[in-house]
């Protein structure tokens, strides 16, 4: 009657029991205090350590999540805890971390971003991407783009292939993603990266005067050096056929733009005129063959401007870009 129930008082008693070595009593008291108050930081901190010592990741990380939701200042410590456990005991810890991320964790994006600084973190990020794909909240396109970009900047092409294969995002059935410019949901770097600069502007628009579907519309001055549009491809060694359609809306774009396929640090595997003939106001095709060597795990497919010594305004449509093995018919 003189001392009604109080969470702070219960926590003090629990910590006193812990210091006296009566850990089971302390666990029971502090678990009760933690259940009664999600805002009692010392209680949850003790419970995290206690549960980790017992190997109970689910309970330990649940208490860590309770702290992290209110305390952005301790995110670095919590993130290091999650990553260390996921690295040292992946079979048991990774599913627990993935389960937290699949919920409404306010720190989800911040934790994923914290993984991209080194190869250990990237390995955890790849495994989490695969696990999250089976939940109701898989990586969204922004999160997946950031993962792909981090792997690409660290030269982890095999990891990119693993993620793409396991997630099927984008589908691996087509070498060129969104070759018809109808699928904006494809995540970069497999989506078209379009340039917007003085002298070279690319947009995906509806070709109202032709087939009525979406296509790439390029405004180019014939003078600016630029990658007008590009995307990453993951072609296996072998021989391929490139094909694209084009239509001139204005100007004389012959030899002023080229399609290229290039390995990092190497000469282009393919370099072919994007508009080989003038006067094609109806849709026409350009086709070329090229080979991918064994030492080329990834490639950039790009539409590039070929600058001349004077400006010449031109407007060109492009559509139905594809790369298929020689002998296979494009879809």
Protein backbone atom coordinates (compact mmCIF):
# COMPACT_ATOMS: atom_id res chain seq x y z
CA UNK A 1 0.00 0.00 0.00
CA UNK A 2 2.91 2.36 0.72
CA UNK A 3 4.74 1.46 -2.51
CA UNK A 4 2.32 0.70 -5.34
CA UNK A 5 3.66 -0.89 -8.50
CA UNK A 6 6.23 1.27 -10.29
CA UNK A 7 8.24 0.21 -13.38
CA UNK A 8 11.37 2.09 -12.34
CA UNK A 9 11.25 0.57 -8.87
CA UNK A 10 10.78 -2.90 -10.32
CA UNK A 11 13.74 -2.34 -12.64
CA UNK A 12 15.93 -1.28 -9.69
CA UNK A 13 14.96 -4.44 -7.82
CA UNK A 14 15.66 -6.56 -10.91
CA UNK A 15 19.09 -5.03 -11.49
CA UNK A 16 19.90 -5.47 -7.81
CA UNK A 17 19.03 -9.15 -8.10
CA UNK A 18 21.27 -9.39 -11.18
CA UNK A 19 24.22 -7.83 -9.35
CA UNK A 20 23.66 -10.30 -6.53
CA UNK A 21 23.98 -13.14 -9.02
CA UNK A 22 20.33 -14.21 -8.87
CA UNK A 23 19.94 -14.01 -12.64
CA UNK A 24 16.76 -16.05 -12.94
CA UNK A 25 14.96 -13.77 -10.47
CA UNK A 26 16.38 -10.72 -12.25
CA UNK A 27 15.23 -12.04 -15.62
CA UNK A 28 11.70 -12.54 -14.37
CA UNK A 29 11.51 -9.10 -12.74
CA UNK A 30 13.06 -7.21 -15.66
CA UNK A 31 10.96 -9.07 -18.24
CA UNK A 32 7.87 -7.88 -16.32
CA UNK A 33 9.25 -4.34 -16.20
CA UNK A 34 10.01 -4.40 -19.93
CA UNK A 35 6.54 -5.64 -20.78
CA UNK A 36 4.97 -2.90 -18.70
CA UNK A 37 7.07 -0.13 -20.21
CA UNK A 38 8.53 0.03 -23.72
CA UNK A 39 10.31 3.23 -22.74
CA UNK A 40 12.49 1.90 -19.92
CA UNK A 41 15.86 1.83 -21.69
CA UNK A 42 18.02 0.24 -18.94
CA UNK A 43 15.58 -2.65 -18.65
CA UNK A 44 15.60 -3.41 -22.36
CA UNK A 45 19.38 -2.99 -22.56
CA UNK A 46 19.85 -5.59 -19.82
CA UNK A 47 17.36 -7.94 -21.46
CA UNK A 48 19.18 -7.67 -24.82
CA UNK A 49 22.46 -8.75 -23.23
CA UNK A 50 20.79 -11.49 -21.17
CA UNK A 51 18.93 -12.97 -24.17
CA UNK A 52 22.07 -12.85 -26.34
CA UNK A 53 24.04 -14.76 -23.73
CA UNK A 54 21.36 -17.44 -23.90
CA UNK A 55 21.41 -17.42 -27.72
CA UNK A 56 17.81 -16.18 -27.93
CA UNK A 57 18.10 -13.87 -30.94
CA UNK A 58 14.36 -13.43 -31.39
CA UNK A 59 13.85 -12.04 -27.90
CA UNK A 60 17.12 -10.07 -27.83
CA UNK A 61 16.44 -8.37 -31.15
CA UNK A 62 12.83 -7.68 -30.21
CA UNK A 63 14.08 -5.66 -27.24
CA UNK A 64 16.68 -4.01 -29.49
CA UNK A 65 13.90 -3.03 -31.87
CA UNK A 66 12.00 -1.51 -28.94
CA UNK A 67 15.00 0.71 -28.18
CA UNK A 68 15.76 1.53 -31.82
CA UNK A 69 12.25 2.79 -32.52
CA UNK A 70 12.68 5.58 -29.98
CA UNK A 71 16.42 6.14 -29.99
CA UNK A 72 17.97 6.97 -33.37
CA UNK A 73 21.11 7.93 -31.48
CA UNK A 74 21.79 4.26 -30.66
CA UNK A 75 21.15 2.97 -34.19
CA UNK A 76 24.86 2.53 -34.94
CA UNK A 77 25.28 0.22 -31.93
CA UNK A 78 22.12 -1.72 -32.72
CA UNK A 79 23.06 -2.05 -36.39
CA UNK A 80 26.51 -3.38 -35.48
CA UNK A 81 24.84 -5.91 -33.19
CA UNK A 82 22.48 -7.13 -35.92
CA UNK A 83 25.27 -7.36 -38.51
CA UNK A 84 27.70 -9.13 -36.19
CA UNK A 85 25.11 -11.76 -35.29
CA UNK A 86 24.02 -12.18 -38.91
CA UNK A 87 27.66 -12.68 -39.92
CA UNK A 88 28.78 -14.99 -37.11
CA UNK A 89 25.59 -17.05 -36.76
CA UNK A 90 23.71 -16.55 -40.05
CA UNK A 91 21.51 -19.64 -39.85
CA UNK A 92 19.83 -18.46 -36.65
CA UNK A 93 20.28 -14.69 -36.67
CA UNK A 94 19.53 -13.74 -40.30
CA UNK A 95 15.87 -14.90 -40.24
CA UNK A 96 15.28 -12.91 -37.05
CA UNK A 97 16.74 -9.73 -38.55
CA UNK A 98 14.74 -10.27 -41.74
CA UNK A 99 11.57 -10.71 -39.68
CA UNK A 100 12.15 -7.34 -37.99
CA UNK A 101 12.77 -5.65 -41.33
CA UNK A 102 9.65 -7.22 -42.76
CA UNK A 103 7.60 -5.49 -40.08
CA UNK A 104 7.12 -1.77 -39.76
CA UNK A 105 10.62 -1.03 -38.46
CA UNK A 106 11.20 2.71 -38.77
CA UNK A 107 14.93 2.07 -39.08
CA UNK A 108 14.74 -0.42 -41.98
CA UNK A 109 16.17 1.78 -44.75
CA UNK A 110 18.85 3.18 -42.45
CA UNK A 111 19.98 -0.30 -41.46
CA UNK A 112 20.09 -1.51 -45.07
CA UNK A 113 22.16 1.54 -46.03
CA UNK A 114 24.57 0.81 -43.16
CA UNK A 115 25.42 -2.54 -44.77
CA UNK A 116 26.86 -1.08 -47.96
CA UNK A 117 30.17 0.14 -46.56
CA UNK A 118 32.12 -3.12 -46.72
CA UNK A 119 31.99 -6.63 -48.15
CA UNK A 120 30.84 -8.18 -44.87
CA UNK A 121 27.83 -5.90 -44.77
CA UNK A 122 27.10 -6.48 -48.45
CA UNK A 123 27.03 -10.22 -47.85
CA UNK A 124 24.45 -9.72 -45.10
CA UNK A 125 22.45 -7.40 -47.38
CA UNK A 126 22.35 -10.01 -50.17
CA UNK A 127 21.06 -12.68 -47.79
CA UNK A 128 18.46 -10.32 -46.33
CA UNK A 129 17.24 -9.41 -49.82
CA UNK A 130 16.61 -13.08 -50.55
CA UNK A 131 14.84 -13.67 -47.23
CA UNK A 132 12.70 -10.54 -47.53
CA UNK A 133 11.52 -11.56 -50.98
CA UNK A 134 9.45 -14.29 -49.28
CA UNK A 135 7.67 -11.80 -47.00
CA UNK A 136 4.87 -9.29 -47.56
CA UNK A 137 7.42 -6.47 -47.67
CA UNK A 138 10.25 -7.43 -50.04
CA UNK A 139 12.83 -4.84 -51.00
CA UNK A 140 11.14 -2.03 -52.89
CA UNK A 141 12.71 -0.71 -56.08
CA UNK A 142 14.59 2.05 -54.26
CA UNK A 143 16.09 -0.40 -51.76
CA UNK A 144 16.92 -2.90 -54.50
CA UNK A 145 18.51 -0.17 -56.63
CA UNK A 146 20.71 0.85 -53.70
CA UNK A 147 21.78 -2.76 -53.16
CA UNK A 148 22.60 -3.27 -56.84
CA UNK A 149 24.49 0.05 -56.94
CA UNK A 150 26.56 -0.85 -53.87
CA UNK A 151 27.42 -4.27 -55.27
CA UNK A 152 28.30 -2.76 -58.63
CA UNK A 153 30.57 -0.10 -57.13
CA UNK A 154 32.41 -2.85 -55.21
CA UNK A 155 32.78 -5.03 -58.30
CA UNK A 156 30.55 -7.79 -56.89
CA UNK A 157 29.08 -8.91 -60.22
CA UNK A 158 28.53 -12.50 -59.09
CA UNK A 159 26.52 -11.21 -56.13
CA UNK A 160 24.42 -9.06 -58.48
CA UNK A 161 23.71 -12.14 -60.58
CA UNK A 162 22.77 -14.08 -57.44
CA UNK A 163 20.31 -11.43 -56.27
CA UNK A 164 18.76 -11.04 -59.70
CA UNK A 165 18.39 -14.80 -60.14
CA UNK A 166 16.91 -15.41 -56.68
CA UNK A 167 14.56 -12.41 -56.79
CA UNK A 168 13.87 -12.48 -60.54
CA UNK A 169 13.88 -8.67 -60.42
CA UNK A 170 14.19 -7.90 -63.21
CA UNK A 171 13.42 -11.12 -65.01
CA UNK A 172 16.50 -12.84 -66.32
CA UNK A 173 14.65 -14.13 -69.38
CA UNK A 174 15.54 -11.00 -71.36
CA UNK A 175 19.05 -9.65 -71.81
CA UNK A 176 17.68 -6.13 -72.30
CA UNK A 177 15.25 -5.01 -69.59
CA UNK A 178 12.35 -2.83 -70.68
CA UNK A 179 13.49 -2.96 -74.28
CA UNK A 180 10.00 -1.85 -75.31
CA UNK A 181 10.00 1.09 -72.86
CA UNK A 182 6.73 -0.12 -71.33
CA UNK A 183 7.96 -1.36 -67.93
CA UNK A 184 8.96 1.50 -65.59
CA UNK A 185 9.00 -0.84 -62.58
CA UNK A 186 12.35 -2.41 -63.56
CA UNK A 187 14.94 -1.35 -60.93
CA UNK A 188 18.16 0.41 -61.96
CA UNK A 189 20.83 -0.27 -63.08
CA UNK A 190 18.86 -2.68 -65.29
CA UNK A 191 16.39 0.10 -66.05
CA UNK A 192 17.21 2.72 -68.68
CA UNK A 193 19.24 5.61 -67.30
CA UNK A 194 18.19 8.63 -69.38
CA UNK A 195 20.24 11.77 -69.85
CA UNK A 196 18.84 15.26 -69.38
CA UNK A 197 21.40 17.89 -70.36
CA UNK A 198 21.78 20.80 -72.75
CA UNK A 199 22.02 19.39 -76.24
CA UNK A 200 20.93 15.85 -75.38
CA UNK A 201 17.55 15.03 -73.83
CA UNK A 202 15.92 11.59 -73.67
CA UNK A 203 12.38 10.79 -72.51
CA UNK A 204 10.05 7.82 -72.67
CA UNK A 205 6.89 9.05 -74.40
CA UNK A 206 3.89 7.70 -76.26
CA UNK A 207 4.39 7.55 -80.01
CA UNK A 208 0.96 8.95 -80.87
CA UNK A 209 1.70 9.19 -84.59
CA UNK A 210 2.84 5.58 -84.95
CA UNK A 211 2.04 2.43 -83.03
CA UNK A 212 0.61 4.28 -80.06
CA UNK A 213 2.85 2.60 -77.46
CA UNK A 214 5.73 3.98 -75.43
CA UNK A 215 9.13 4.54 -77.02
CA UNK A 216 12.36 6.43 -76.39
CA UNK A 217 12.25 9.97 -77.79
CA UNK A 218 15.64 11.67 -78.20
CA UNK A 219 16.37 15.34 -78.86
CA UNK A 220 20.00 15.70 -79.88
CA UNK A 221 22.05 18.61 -81.23
CA UNK A 222 24.68 16.47 -82.95
CA UNK A 223 27.40 18.36 -81.08
CA UNK A 224 27.25 17.19 -77.45
CA UNK A 225 29.15 14.11 -76.27
CA UNK A 226 26.82 12.03 -74.11
CA UNK A 227 25.52 8.61 -73.09
CA UNK A 228 21.92 9.36 -74.05
CA UNK A 229 20.48 6.17 -72.52
CA UNK A 230 22.11 3.16 -70.93
CA UNK A 231 21.49 0.08 -68.79
CA UNK A 232 23.49 -2.78 -67.27
CA UNK A 233 23.39 -6.20 -68.92
CA UNK A 234 24.72 -9.57 -67.72
CA UNK A 235 25.49 -11.49 -70.89
CA UNK A 236 27.29 -14.81 -70.68
CA UNK A 237 30.21 -15.45 -73.04
CA UNK A 238 28.99 -16.15 -76.56
CA UNK A 239 27.79 -14.57 -79.77
CA UNK A 240 24.75 -12.28 -79.81
CA UNK A 241 22.53 -10.34 -82.16
CA UNK A 242 21.56 -6.77 -81.27
CA UNK A 243 18.41 -5.26 -82.75
CA UNK A 244 16.58 -1.95 -82.31
CA UNK A 245 13.96 0.00 -84.19
CA UNK A 246 14.19 3.70 -85.04
CA UNK A 247 12.17 6.43 -86.73
CA UNK A 248 13.27 9.94 -87.65
CA UNK A 249 10.91 12.73 -86.60
CA UNK A 250 13.12 15.67 -87.61
CA UNK A 251 16.59 16.42 -88.93
CA UNK A 252 19.31 14.22 -90.42
CA UNK A 253 20.57 11.93 -87.62
CA UNK A 254 22.58 9.50 -89.77
CA UNK A 255 25.87 8.63 -88.01
CA UNK A 256 25.17 11.08 -85.21
CA UNK A 257 24.20 8.36 -82.67
CA UNK A 258 25.48 4.84 -82.05
CA UNK A 259 24.50 1.79 -80.01
CA UNK A 260 27.38 0.30 -78.01
CA UNK A 261 27.94 -2.69 -75.74
CA UNK A 262 31.02 -2.25 -73.57
CA UNK A 263 32.84 -4.19 -70.86
CA UNK A 264 34.40 -2.21 -68.04
CA UNK A 265 37.82 -0.94 -69.05
CA UNK A 266 37.68 -2.54 -72.49
CA UNK A 267 37.01 -1.48 -76.06
CA UNK A 268 33.36 -1.72 -77.16
CA UNK A 269 32.16 -5.18 -78.10
CA UNK A 270 29.55 -3.55 -80.32
CA UNK A 271 29.48 -0.16 -82.01
CA UNK A 272 26.80 0.23 -84.64
CA UNK A 273 24.97 3.27 -86.08
CA UNK A 274 21.67 3.86 -84.34
CA UNK A 275 20.26 5.56 -87.45
CA UNK A 276 21.99 4.05 -90.49
CA UNK A 277 19.68 5.59 -93.11
CA UNK A 278 18.17 9.06 -93.53
CA UNK A 279 14.54 9.71 -94.33
CA UNK A 280 13.15 6.82 -92.29
CA UNK A 281 9.98 8.49 -91.04
CA UNK A 282 8.41 5.05 -90.58
CA UNK A 283 9.83 2.45 -88.23
CA UNK A 284 12.98 0.68 -89.48
CA UNK A 285 15.39 -1.81 -87.91
CA UNK A 286 19.09 -1.83 -87.21
CA UNK A 287 20.75 -5.20 -86.57
CA UNK A 288 24.32 -6.13 -85.66
CA UNK A 289 26.17 -9.12 -84.23
CA UNK A 290 28.89 -9.14 -81.58
CA UNK A 291 30.70 -11.52 -79.23
CA UNK A 292 31.13 -11.44 -75.45
CA UNK A 293 34.49 -12.84 -74.25
CA UNK A 294 35.00 -14.93 -71.13
CA UNK A 295 36.58 -12.07 -69.17
CA UNK A 296 33.50 -9.84 -69.43
CA UNK A 297 31.04 -10.65 -66.60
CA UNK A 298 28.90 -7.53 -67.10
CA UNK A 299 28.34 -4.96 -69.82
CA UNK A 300 26.82 -1.55 -70.42
CA UNK A 301 24.39 -1.20 -73.31
CA UNK A 302 24.29 2.47 -74.31
CA UNK A 303 22.88 4.82 -76.91
CA UNK A 304 25.60 7.43 -77.40
CA UNK A 305 25.81 10.72 -79.23
CA UNK A 306 28.54 11.11 -81.83
CA UNK A 307 29.48 14.79 -81.75
CA UNK A 308 30.42 16.66 -84.93
CA UNK A 309 31.96 20.11 -85.25
CA UNK A 310 28.62 21.89 -85.60
CA UNK A 311 25.15 21.67 -84.12
CA UNK A 312 22.41 19.99 -86.14
CA UNK A 313 19.07 19.56 -84.43
CA UNK A 314 17.45 16.12 -84.71
CA UNK A 315 14.53 14.25 -83.17
CA UNK A 316 14.51 10.45 -83.25
CA UNK A 317 12.34 7.66 -81.82
CA UNK A 318 13.77 4.31 -80.65
CA UNK A 319 11.89 1.17 -79.63
CA UNK A 320 12.04 -2.61 -79.26
CA UNK A 321 15.68 -2.90 -78.26
CA UNK A 322 16.82 -6.49 -77.82
CA UNK A 323 19.88 -8.71 -77.51
CA UNK A 324 19.52 -12.43 -78.16
CA UNK A 325 21.95 -15.29 -78.78
CA UNK A 326 22.66 -15.77 -82.47
CA UNK A 327 20.12 -18.18 -83.87
CA UNK A 328 17.34 -17.10 -81.46
CA UNK A 329 14.46 -14.90 -82.58
CA UNK A 330 13.82 -11.70 -80.54
CA UNK A 331 10.55 -11.63 -78.58
